[in-house]
C-alpha atoms as a PDB file:
ATOM      1  CA  MET A   1     -24.252 -21.127  99.512  1.00  0.00           C
ATOM      2  CA  ASN A   2     -24.340 -24.185 101.995  1.00  0.00           C
ATOM      3  CA  LEU A   3     -24.223 -26.185  98.808  1.00  0.00           C
ATOM      4  CA  VAL A   4     -21.135 -24.569  97.596  1.00  0.00           C
ATOM      5  CA  VAL A   5     -19.450 -24.979 100.972  1.00  0.00           C
ATOM      6  CA  VAL A   6     -20.139 -28.774 101.047  1.00  0.00           C
ATOM      7  CA  THR A   7     -19.022 -29.141  97.699  1.00  0.00           C
ATOM      8  CA  VAL A   8     -15.482 -27.513  98.674  1.00  0.00           C
ATOM      9  CA  ARG A   9     -15.351 -29.402 101.834  1.00  0.00           C
ATOM     10  CA  ARG A  10     -16.116 -32.499  99.931  1.00  0.00           C
ATOM     11  CA  LYS A  11     -13.384 -31.830  97.567  1.00  0.00           C
ATOM     12  CA  SER A  12     -11.117 -30.738 100.316  1.00  0.00           C
ATOM     13  CA  VAL A  13     -11.583 -34.214 102.041  1.00  0.00           C
ATOM     14  CA  LEU A  14     -11.178 -36.239  98.812  1.00  0.00           C
ATOM     15  CA  ARG A  15      -7.864 -34.342  98.200  1.00  0.00           C
ATOM     16  CA  VAL A  16      -6.551 -35.073 101.689  1.00  0.00           C
ATOM     17  CA  VAL A  17      -7.658 -38.853 101.238  1.00  0.00           C
ATOM     18  CA  GLY A  18      -5.887 -38.934  97.880  1.00  0.00           C
ATOM     19  CA  SER A  19      -2.746 -37.375  99.357  1.00  0.00           C
ATOM     20  CA  TYR A  20      -2.573 -40.255 101.912  1.00  0.00           C
ATOM     21  CA  ILE A  21      -3.400 -42.862  99.354  1.00  0.00           C
ATOM     22  CA  SER A  22      -0.355 -41.632  97.003  1.00  0.00           C
ATOM     23  CA  LEU A  23       1.847 -41.879 100.225  1.00  0.00           C
ATOM     24  CA  MET A  24       1.393 -45.798  99.987  1.00  0.00           C
ATOM     25  CA  LYS A  25       2.575 -45.837  96.239  1.00  0.00           C
ATOM     26  CA  PRO A  26      -0.702 -47.927  95.189  1.00  0.00           C
ATOM     27  CA  ARG A  27       1.081 -48.379  91.478  1.00  0.00           C
ATOM     28  CA  ILE A  28       4.049 -50.121  93.574  1.00  0.00           C
ATOM     29  CA  ILE A  29       1.696 -52.041  95.671  1.00  0.00           C
ATOM     30  CA  GLU A  30      -0.284 -53.296  92.534  1.00  0.00           C
ATOM     31  CA  LEU A  31       2.918 -55.283  91.436  1.00  0.00           C
ATOM     32  CA  LEU A  32       3.465 -56.772  94.949  1.00  0.00           C
ATOM     33  CA  LEU A  33      -0.200 -57.981  94.958  1.00  0.00           C
ATOM     34  CA  ILE A  34       0.136 -59.464  91.426  1.00  0.00           C
ATOM     35  CA  THR A  35       2.883 -61.499  92.573  1.00  0.00           C
ATOM     36  CA  THR A  36       1.064 -62.807  95.733  1.00  0.00           C
ATOM     37  CA  VAL A  37      -1.846 -64.297  94.580  1.00  0.00           C
ATOM     38  CA  PRO A  38      -0.163 -66.589  91.891  1.00  0.00           C
ATOM     39  CA  ALA A  39       2.147 -67.586  94.984  1.00  0.00           C
ATOM     40  CA  MET A  40      -0.800 -68.806  96.999  1.00  0.00           C
ATOM     41  CA  ILE A  41      -2.232 -70.807  93.922  1.00  0.00           C
ATOM     42  CA  VAL A  42       1.062 -72.626  93.554  1.00  0.00           C
ATOM     43  CA  ALA A  43       1.285 -73.153  97.540  1.00  0.00           C
ATOM     44  CA  LYS A  44      -2.403 -74.711  97.418  1.00  0.00           C
ATOM     45  CA  GLN A  45      -2.104 -76.494  94.060  1.00  0.00           C
ATOM     46  CA  GLY A  46      -5.471 -75.081  93.390  1.00  0.00           C
ATOM     47  CA  VAL A  47      -7.766 -72.217  94.186  1.00  0.00           C
ATOM     48  CA  PRO A  48      -7.039 -71.218  97.879  1.00  0.00           C
ATOM     49  CA  SER A  49     -10.137 -69.873 100.263  1.00  0.00           C
ATOM     50  CA  VAL A  50     -11.260 -66.486  98.368  1.00  0.00           C
ATOM     51  CA  TRP A  51     -11.538 -64.981 102.063  1.00  0.00           C
ATOM     52  CA  LEU A  52      -7.952 -65.884 102.657  1.00  0.00           C
ATOM     53  CA  VAL A  53      -6.600 -64.433  99.576  1.00  0.00           C
ATOM     54  CA  VAL A  54      -8.667 -61.136 100.492  1.00  0.00           C
ATOM     55  CA  LEU A  55      -7.225 -61.061 104.011  1.00  0.00           C
ATOM     56  CA  THR A  56      -3.512 -61.617 102.745  1.00  0.00           C
ATOM     57  CA  LEU A  57      -3.990 -58.660 100.315  1.00  0.00           C
ATOM     58  CA  ILE A  58      -5.184 -56.516 102.736  1.00  0.00           C
ATOM     59  CA  GLY A  59      -2.523 -56.992 105.013  1.00  0.00           C
ATOM     60  CA  GLY A  60       0.190 -56.797 102.441  1.00  0.00           C
ATOM     61  CA  THR A  61      -1.390 -53.748 101.111  1.00  0.00           C
ATOM     62  CA  LEU A  62      -1.381 -52.007 104.545  1.00  0.00           C
ATOM     63  CA  SER A  63       2.318 -53.396 105.379  1.00  0.00           C
ATOM     64  CA  ALA A  64       3.623 -52.201 101.898  1.00  0.00           C
ATOM     65  CA  GLY A  65       1.783 -48.930 102.007  1.00  0.00           C
ATOM     66  CA  GLY A  66       3.235 -48.155 105.528  1.00  0.00           C
ATOM     67  CA  ALA A  67       6.718 -48.900 104.363  1.00  0.00           C
ATOM     68  CA  ASN A  68       6.051 -46.977 101.126  1.00  0.00           C
ATOM     69  CA  ALA A  69       4.662 -43.785 103.117  1.00  0.00           C
ATOM     70  CA  VAL A  70       8.151 -43.881 105.703  1.00  0.00           C
ATOM     71  CA  ASN A  71      10.270 -43.986 102.191  1.00  0.00           C
ATOM     72  CA  MET A  72       8.207 -40.988 101.142  1.00  0.00           C
ATOM     73  CA  TRP A  73       8.962 -39.105 104.627  1.00  0.00           C
ATOM     74  CA  ALA A  74      12.451 -39.890 104.757  1.00  0.00           C
ATOM     75  CA  ASP A  75      12.944 -38.854 101.023  1.00  0.00           C
ATOM     76  CA  ARG A  76      11.142 -35.654 101.245  1.00  0.00           C
ATOM     77  CA  ASP A  77      14.130 -33.623 100.887  1.00  0.00           C
ATOM     78  CA  ILE A  78      15.277 -35.340  97.527  1.00  0.00           C
ATOM     79  CA  ASP A  79      11.758 -35.639  96.347  1.00  0.00           C
ATOM     80  CA  SER A  80      11.939 -31.758  96.065  1.00  0.00           C
ATOM     81  CA  ILE A  81      15.139 -31.668  94.011  1.00  0.00           C
ATOM     82  CA  MET A  82      13.947 -34.387  91.503  1.00  0.00           C
ATOM     83  CA  LYS A  83      11.379 -33.416  88.934  1.00  0.00           C
ATOM     84  CA  ARG A  84       9.790 -37.085  89.022  1.00  0.00           C
ATOM     85  CA  THR A  85       8.964 -36.659  92.470  1.00  0.00           C
ATOM     86  CA  GLN A  86       8.003 -33.027  92.893  1.00  0.00           C
ATOM     87  CA  LYS A  87       4.578 -33.700  93.134  1.00  0.00           C
ATOM     88  CA  ARG A  88       4.364 -36.020  96.159  1.00  0.00           C
ATOM     89  CA  PRO A  89       2.188 -34.849  98.868  1.00  0.00           C
ATOM     90  CA  LEU A  90       5.112 -34.057 101.585  1.00  0.00           C
ATOM     91  CA  VAL A  91       6.856 -31.865  99.057  1.00  0.00           C
ATOM     92  CA  THR A  92       3.739 -29.957  98.135  1.00  0.00           C
ATOM     93  CA  GLY A  93       2.735 -29.575 101.577  1.00  0.00           C
ATOM     94  CA  GLU A  94      -0.544 -31.492 101.208  1.00  0.00           C
ATOM     95  CA  VAL A  95       0.627 -33.972 104.313  1.00  0.00           C
ATOM     96  CA  ALA A  96       2.631 -32.869 107.132  1.00  0.00           C
ATOM     97  CA  PRO A  97       5.950 -35.054 107.907  1.00  0.00           C
ATOM     98  CA  SER A  98       4.776 -36.010 111.233  1.00  0.00           C
ATOM     99  CA  ALA A  99       1.144 -36.931 109.950  1.00  0.00           C
ATOM    100  CA  ALA A 100       2.667 -38.904 107.353  1.00  0.00           C
ATOM    101  CA  LEU A 101       5.055 -40.908 109.780  1.00  0.00           C
ATOM    102  CA  ILE A 102       2.041 -41.277 112.370  1.00  0.00           C
ATOM    103  CA  PHE A 103       0.046 -42.804 109.226  1.00  0.00           C
ATOM    104  CA  ALA A 104       2.953 -45.127 108.257  1.00  0.00           C
ATOM    105  CA  MET A 105       3.341 -46.417 111.712  1.00  0.00           C
ATOM    106  CA  SER A 106      -0.289 -47.122 112.111  1.00  0.00           C
ATOM    107  CA  LEU A 107      -0.695 -48.816 108.877  1.00  0.00           C
ATOM    108  CA  GLU A 108       2.439 -51.047 110.012  1.00  0.00           C
ATOM    109  CA  VAL A 109       0.709 -52.019 113.393  1.00  0.00           C
ATOM    110  CA  VAL A 110      -2.975 -52.742 111.691  1.00  0.00           C
ATOM    111  CA  ALA A 111      -1.126 -54.765 109.030  1.00  0.00           C
ATOM    112  CA  PHE A 112       0.538 -57.013 111.584  1.00  0.00           C
ATOM    113  CA  ALA A 113      -2.337 -57.268 113.689  1.00  0.00           C
ATOM    114  CA  GLU A 114      -4.497 -58.307 110.823  1.00  0.00           C
ATOM    115  CA  LEU A 115      -2.053 -60.785 109.213  1.00  0.00           C
ATOM    116  CA  SER A 116      -1.199 -62.567 112.672  1.00  0.00           C
ATOM    117  CA  LEU A 117      -4.691 -62.525 113.944  1.00  0.00           C
ATOM    118  CA  LEU A 118      -6.724 -63.387 110.666  1.00  0.00           C
ATOM    119  CA  VAL A 119      -4.157 -65.459 108.645  1.00  0.00           C
ATOM    120  CA  ASN A 120      -1.295 -66.518 110.706  1.00  0.00           C
ATOM    121  CA  LEU A 121       1.864 -65.451 112.328  1.00  0.00           C
ATOM    122  CA  LEU A 122       4.431 -66.517 110.144  1.00  0.00           C
ATOM    123  CA  SER A 123       3.073 -64.561 106.933  1.00  0.00           C
ATOM    124  CA  ALA A 124       2.809 -61.256 109.674  1.00  0.00           C
ATOM    125  CA  LEU A 125       6.258 -61.675 110.626  1.00  0.00           C
ATOM    126  CA  LEU A 126       7.355 -62.045 106.954  1.00  0.00           C
ATOM    127  CA  SER A 127       5.325 -59.072 105.937  1.00  0.00           C
ATOM    128  CA  LEU A 128       6.564 -56.814 109.196  1.00  0.00           C
ATOM    129  CA  GLY A 129      10.300 -57.965 107.995  1.00  0.00           C
ATOM    130  CA  ALA A 130       9.970 -56.863 104.708  1.00  0.00           C
ATOM    131  CA  ALA A 131       8.576 -53.354 105.828  1.00  0.00           C
ATOM    132  CA  LEU A 132      11.692 -52.829 108.182  1.00  0.00           C
ATOM    133  CA  PHE A 133      14.142 -54.183 105.728  1.00  0.00           C
ATOM    134  CA  TYR A 134      12.662 -51.729 102.944  1.00  0.00           C
ATOM    135  CA  ILE A 135      12.794 -48.727 105.603  1.00  0.00           C
ATOM    136  CA  PHE A 136      15.951 -49.330 107.454  1.00  0.00           C
ATOM    137  CA  VAL A 137      18.277 -51.230 105.006  1.00  0.00           C
ATOM    138  CA  TYR A 138      17.100 -49.694 101.603  1.00  0.00           C
ATOM    139  CA  THR A 139      15.443 -46.316 102.387  1.00  0.00           C
ATOM    140  CA  LEU A 140      17.816 -45.201 105.252  1.00  0.00           C
ATOM    141  CA  TRP A 141      20.895 -46.803 104.612  1.00  0.00           C
ATOM    142  CA  LEU A 142      21.773 -47.986 100.885  1.00  0.00           C
ATOM    143  CA  LYS A 143      19.716 -45.590  98.682  1.00  0.00           C
ATOM    144  CA  ARG A 144      21.920 -42.692  99.600  1.00  0.00           C
ATOM    145  CA  THR A 145      25.296 -44.575  99.983  1.00  0.00           C
ATOM    146  CA  SER A 146      25.656 -47.578  97.297  1.00  0.00           C
ATOM    147  CA  SER A 147      25.138 -48.260  93.777  1.00  0.00           C
ATOM    148  CA  ASN A 148      23.774 -51.643  94.928  1.00  0.00           C
ATOM    149  CA  ASN A 149      21.081 -49.849  96.636  1.00  0.00           C
ATOM    150  CA  ILE A 150      18.371 -51.388  94.532  1.00  0.00           C
ATOM    151  CA  VAL A 151      19.892 -54.659  94.246  1.00  0.00           C
ATOM    152  CA  ILE A 152      19.782 -55.416  97.894  1.00  0.00           C
ATOM    153  CA  GLY A 153      16.860 -53.366  98.649  1.00  0.00           C
ATOM    154  CA  GLY A 154      14.766 -55.541  96.080  1.00  0.00           C
ATOM    155  CA  ALA A 155      14.569 -58.144  98.524  1.00  0.00           C
ATOM    156  CA  ALA A 156      11.970 -56.148 100.197  1.00  0.00           C
ATOM    157  CA  GLY A 157       9.507 -56.137  97.001  1.00  0.00           C
ATOM    158  CA  ALA A 158      10.520 -60.070  96.621  1.00  0.00           C
ATOM    159  CA  ALA A 159       8.955 -60.858  99.834  1.00  0.00           C
ATOM    160  CA  PRO A 160       5.233 -60.689  99.146  1.00  0.00           C
ATOM    161  CA  VAL A 161       5.582 -64.371  97.460  1.00  0.00           C
ATOM    162  CA  LEU A 162       6.779 -65.427 100.809  1.00  0.00           C
ATOM    163  CA  VAL A 163       3.825 -63.979 102.523  1.00  0.00           C
ATOM    164  CA  GLY A 164       1.310 -65.431 100.203  1.00  0.00           C
ATOM    165  CA  TRP A 165       2.965 -69.124 100.373  1.00  0.00           C
ATOM    166  CA  ALA A 166       2.860 -68.697 104.247  1.00  0.00           C
ATOM    167  CA  ALA A 167      -0.444 -67.780 104.457  1.00  0.00           C
ATOM    168  CA  VAL A 168      -1.507 -70.986 102.667  1.00  0.00           C
ATOM    169  CA  THR A 169       0.921 -73.497 104.088  1.00  0.00           C
ATOM    170  CA  HIS A 170       1.857 -71.835 107.620  1.00  0.00           C
ATOM    171  CA  SER A 171       5.538 -72.745 106.323  1.00  0.00           C
ATOM    172  CA  LEU A 172       8.261 -71.977 103.750  1.00  0.00           C
ATOM    173  CA  SER A 173      10.210 -74.031 101.183  1.00  0.00           C
ATOM    174  CA  TRP A 174      12.498 -74.281  98.399  1.00  0.00           C
ATOM    175  CA  THR A 175       9.656 -73.129  95.901  1.00  0.00           C
ATOM    176  CA  PRO A 176       8.865 -69.937  97.540  1.00  0.00           C
ATOM    177  CA  ILE A 177      12.273 -69.047  97.911  1.00  0.00           C
ATOM    178  CA  ALA A 178      12.987 -69.749  94.063  1.00  0.00           C
ATOM    179  CA  MET A 179      10.111 -67.068  93.532  1.00  0.00           C
ATOM    180  CA  PHE A 180      11.469 -65.002  95.668  1.00  0.00           C
ATOM    181  CA  MET A 181      14.720 -65.121  93.554  1.00  0.00           C
ATOM    182  CA  ILE A 182      12.715 -64.466  90.413  1.00  0.00           C
ATOM    183  CA  ILE A 183      11.468 -61.069  91.571  1.00  0.00           C
ATOM    184  CA  PHE A 184      14.963 -60.172  93.282  1.00  0.00           C
ATOM    185  CA  LEU A 185      16.565 -60.963  90.000  1.00  0.00           C
ATOM    186  CA  TRP A 186      13.658 -58.842  88.056  1.00  0.00           C
ATOM    187  CA  THR A 187      14.007 -55.735  90.208  1.00  0.00           C
ATOM    188  CA  PRO A 188      17.424 -54.288  89.400  1.00  0.00           C
ATOM    189  CA  PRO A 189      16.874 -54.387  85.477  1.00  0.00           C
ATOM    190  CA  HIS A 190      13.340 -52.924  86.097  1.00  0.00           C
ATOM    191  CA  PHE A 191      14.315 -50.093  87.978  1.00  0.00           C
ATOM    192  CA  TRP A 192      17.687 -49.253  86.176  1.00  0.00           C
ATOM    193  CA  ALA A 193      15.775 -49.007  83.175  1.00  0.00           C
ATOM    194  CA  LEU A 194      13.523 -46.343  84.750  1.00  0.00           C
ATOM    195  CA  ALA A 195      16.558 -44.701  86.498  1.00  0.00           C
ATOM    196  CA  PHE A 196      18.253 -44.804  83.065  1.00  0.00           C
ATOM    197  CA  ARG A 197      15.808 -42.198  81.938  1.00  0.00           C
ATOM    198  CA  TYR A 198      15.820 -40.071  85.248  1.00  0.00           C
ATOM    199  CA  LYS A 199      19.565 -40.408  85.797  1.00  0.00           C
ATOM    200  CA  ASP A 200      19.784 -36.502  85.708  1.00  0.00           C
ATOM    201  CA  ASP A 201      17.469 -36.452  88.399  1.00  0.00           C
ATOM    202  CA  TYR A 202      19.394 -39.064  90.603  1.00  0.00           C
ATOM    203  CA  SER A 203      22.537 -36.930  90.051  1.00  0.00           C
ATOM    204  CA  ARG A 204      21.046 -33.642  91.183  1.00  0.00           C
ATOM    205  CA  ALA A 205      19.708 -35.209  94.260  1.00  0.00           C
ATOM    206  CA  ASN A 206      23.219 -37.259  94.813  1.00  0.00           C
ATOM    207  CA  ILE A 207      21.625 -40.634  94.964  1.00  0.00           C
ATOM    208  CA  PRO A 208      24.075 -43.405  93.762  1.00  0.00           C
ATOM    209  CA  MET A 209      21.550 -45.042  91.464  1.00  0.00           C
ATOM    210  CA  LEU A 210      23.587 -47.293  88.996  1.00  0.00           C
ATOM    211  CA  PRO A 211      22.780 -45.007  85.959  1.00  0.00           C
ATOM    212  CA  ALA A 212      23.707 -41.891  87.798  1.00  0.00           C
ATOM    213  CA  VAL A 213      27.043 -43.298  88.658  1.00  0.00           C
ATOM    214  CA  ALA A 214      28.252 -45.509  85.960  1.00  0.00           C
ATOM    215  CA  SER A 215      28.140 -45.181  82.074  1.00  0.00           C
ATOM    216  CA  SER A 216      25.109 -45.953  80.145  1.00  0.00           C
ATOM    217  CA  LYS A 217      27.007 -48.808  78.173  1.00  0.00           C
ATOM    218  CA  ARG A 218      27.870 -50.189  81.763  1.00  0.00           C
ATOM    219  CA  THR A 219      24.183 -49.979  83.231  1.00  0.00           C
ATOM    220  CA  ALA A 220      22.722 -51.668  79.856  1.00  0.00           C
ATOM    221  CA  GLY A 221      25.394 -54.143  80.364  1.00  0.00           C
ATOM    222  CA  GLU A 222      24.333 -55.000  83.865  1.00  0.00           C
ATOM    223  CA  ILE A 223      20.737 -55.010  82.742  1.00  0.00           C
ATOM    224  CA  VAL A 224      21.732 -57.541  79.891  1.00  0.00           C
ATOM    225  CA  ILE A 225      23.368 -59.795  82.498  1.00  0.00           C
ATOM    226  CA  TYR A 226      20.543 -59.496  85.102  1.00  0.00           C
ATOM    227  CA  THR A 227      17.839 -60.495  82.580  1.00  0.00           C
ATOM    228  CA  VAL A 228      19.704 -63.565  81.072  1.00  0.00           C
ATOM    229  CA  ILE A 229      20.109 -64.903  84.639  1.00  0.00           C
ATOM    230  CA  LEU A 230      16.665 -64.113  85.440  1.00  0.00           C
ATOM    231  CA  TRP A 231      15.559 -66.042  82.327  1.00  0.00           C
ATOM    232  CA  LEU A 232      17.704 -69.167  83.351  1.00  0.00           C
ATOM    233  CA  VAL A 233      15.968 -69.153  86.873  1.00  0.00           C
ATOM    234  CA  THR A 234      12.610 -68.676  85.549  1.00  0.00           C
ATOM    235  CA  LEU A 235      13.379 -72.017  83.387  1.00  0.00           C
ATOM    236  CA  ALA A 236      14.635 -73.938  86.313  1.00  0.00           C
ATOM    237  CA  PHE A 237      11.916 -72.722  88.427  1.00  0.00           C
ATOM    238  CA  ALA A 238       9.346 -75.209  86.289  1.00  0.00           C
ATOM    239  CA  PRO A 239      10.848 -78.461  87.484  1.00  0.00           C
ATOM    240  CA  ILE A 240      11.400 -76.653  91.156  1.00  0.00           C
ATOM    241  CA  ALA A 241       7.707 -76.008  91.358  1.00  0.00           C
ATOM    242  CA  HIS A 242       6.358 -78.893  89.537  1.00  0.00           C
ATOM    243  CA  LEU A 243       4.739 -76.785  86.839  1.00  0.00           C
ATOM    244  CA  GLY A 244       4.081 -77.836  83.277  1.00  0.00           C
ATOM    245  CA  LEU A 245       4.188 -76.620  79.699  1.00  0.00           C
ATOM    246  CA  ILE A 246       2.088 -73.738  80.104  1.00  0.00           C
ATOM    247  CA  TYR A 247       4.258 -72.171  82.435  1.00  0.00           C
ATOM    248  CA  PHE A 248       7.404 -73.220  80.748  1.00  0.00           C
ATOM    249  CA  VAL A 249       6.621 -71.986  77.271  1.00  0.00           C
ATOM    250  CA  ALA A 250       5.446 -68.535  78.791  1.00  0.00           C
ATOM    251  CA  ALA A 251       8.633 -68.423  80.795  1.00  0.00           C
ATOM    252  CA  LEU A 252      10.696 -68.994  77.847  1.00  0.00           C
ATOM    253  CA  LEU A 253       8.945 -66.575  75.202  1.00  0.00           C
ATOM    254  CA  LEU A 254       8.612 -63.850  77.859  1.00  0.00           C
ATOM    255  CA  GLY A 255      12.362 -64.283  78.843  1.00  0.00           C
ATOM    256  CA  ALA A 256      13.445 -64.097  75.474  1.00  0.00           C
ATOM    257  CA  GLY A 257      11.554 -60.857  74.992  1.00  0.00           C
ATOM    258  CA  PHE A 258      13.020 -59.287  78.060  1.00  0.00           C
ATOM    259  CA  VAL A 259      16.461 -60.213  76.999  1.00  0.00           C
ATOM    260  CA  ALA A 260      15.840 -58.842  73.643  1.00  0.00           C
ATOM    261  CA  TYR A 261      14.735 -55.698  74.902  1.00  0.00           C
ATOM    262  CA  SER A 262      17.862 -55.429  77.148  1.00  0.00           C
ATOM    263  CA  LEU A 263      20.074 -55.968  74.406  1.00  0.00           C
ATOM    264  CA  SER A 264      18.454 -53.235  72.371  1.00  0.00           C
ATOM    265  CA  LEU A 265      19.394 -51.112  75.174  1.00  0.00           C
ATOM    266  CA  TYR A 266      22.546 -52.056  75.085  1.00  0.00           C
ATOM    267  CA  ARG A 267      22.946 -51.399  71.270  1.00  0.00           C
ATOM    268  CA  ASN A 268      21.143 -48.026  71.797  1.00  0.00           C
ATOM    269  CA  CYS A 269      21.744 -46.589  75.157  1.00  0.00           C
ATOM    270  CA  SER A 270      18.810 -44.343  74.937  1.00  0.00           C
ATOM    271  CA  PRO A 271      16.310 -43.102  77.341  1.00  0.00           C
ATOM    272  CA  LYS A 272      13.252 -43.860  74.842  1.00  0.00           C
ATOM    273  CA  VAL A 273      14.601 -47.592  74.719  1.00  0.00           C
ATOM    274  CA  ALA A 274      15.061 -47.631  78.635  1.00  0.00           C
ATOM    275  CA  MET A 275      11.557 -46.613  78.945  1.00  0.00           C
ATOM    276  CA  LYS A 276      10.517 -49.584  76.557  1.00  0.00           C
ATOM    277  CA  VAL A 277      12.568 -52.033  78.915  1.00  0.00           C
ATOM    278  CA  PHE A 278      10.817 -50.545  81.827  1.00  0.00           C
ATOM    279  CA  SER A 279       7.316 -50.925  80.428  1.00  0.00           C
ATOM    280  CA  TYR A 280       8.012 -54.399  79.192  1.00  0.00           C
ATOM    281  CA  SER A 281       9.508 -55.488  82.633  1.00  0.00           C
ATOM    282  CA  ILE A 282       5.950 -54.591  84.080  1.00  0.00           C
ATOM    283  CA  SER A 283       4.078 -56.783  81.735  1.00  0.00           C
ATOM    284  CA  TYR A 284       6.592 -59.352  82.021  1.00  0.00           C
ATOM    285  CA  LEU A 285       6.243 -59.903  85.588  1.00  0.00           C
ATOM    286  CA  THR A 286       2.649 -59.740  85.532  1.00  0.00           C
ATOM    287  CA  LEU A 287       2.254 -62.408  82.666  1.00  0.00           C
ATOM    288  CA  LEU A 288       4.905 -64.983  84.037  1.00  0.00           C
ATOM    289  CA  PHE A 289       3.191 -65.064  87.541  1.00  0.00           C
ATOM    290  CA  LEU A 290      -0.353 -65.186  85.793  1.00  0.00           C
ATOM    291  CA  ALA A 291       1.180 -68.133  83.838  1.00  0.00           C
ATOM    292  CA  MET A 292       2.294 -69.595  87.223  1.00  0.00           C
ATOM    293  CA  GLY A 293      -1.412 -69.649  88.586  1.00  0.00           C
ATOM    294  CA  ILE A 294      -3.141 -70.659  84.943  1.00  0.00           C
ATOM    295  CA  ASP A 295      -0.623 -73.656  84.731  1.00  0.00           C
ATOM    296  CA  ILE A 296      -1.723 -75.018  88.291  1.00  0.00           C
ATOM    297  CA  LEU A 297      -5.234 -74.362  87.614  1.00  0.00           C
ATOM    298  CA  VAL A 298      -5.702 -75.840  84.221  1.00  0.00           C
ATOM    299  CA  ARG A 299      -3.731 -79.127  85.431  1.00  0.00           C
ATOM    300  CA  HIS A 300      -5.576 -79.513  88.606  1.00  0.00           C
ATOM    301  CA  HIS A 301      -8.991 -78.711  87.330  1.00  0.00           C
END
């Protein structure tokens, strides 16, 4: 009997822990971390201290997780309406709203303390600034009021490269700003492709995400425009960051693929093709930043 009670309690604890982790949106954080490490390698022009990388990633994870938890807290009303988000812990009741907010604020405090004490103050301020921008500018203001919500709000997701660069150099320059622009331009086509698939959800929740308020053709057209500009910026980034052939070829081919997928969506305007664009966009960003790191490591070996 005692064994059964212990097993039930353990499952209950694991479920609660899992609910709090899901508040942090770990899949989104993965993408943020994927861009941080290559930014640190480019900043160092080699391999940074493993300890520094780990500390920067921990701080970045906690800060982004806190911002994401506030986002879930603020969006719990619309999350209950949208099919895609109905199983989130604040909708199901696994976590109380007040507990979620306390958890989120605690994460932000710990993240700032950890980065400022163990990395440097600039990286801590940049990370906190990104979190506050995501919370106040995107979540609490633009998301429900403007079809440009994800365009402007995407700046928060582009900030980790600045944090990674600052962690290594204690400063900023044009190179991390160009990196920031890559992710800033990547975010709208990435997110609009997903929103294309779930536009009925956004309409139901009265969220003016572009696919929910514009025609499918216009949305697909905007995606094409952003992917073409993104492609050009990634190619221009090679001389800006003094990167070599490995990165340039990767940027050329990956960008061509992204543009081809977006053109396919423009021709077909189907949710199925939109999800292909969304899936490719994740691989695209991962491989592009991986190519940055590999380029530096191969040439400075």
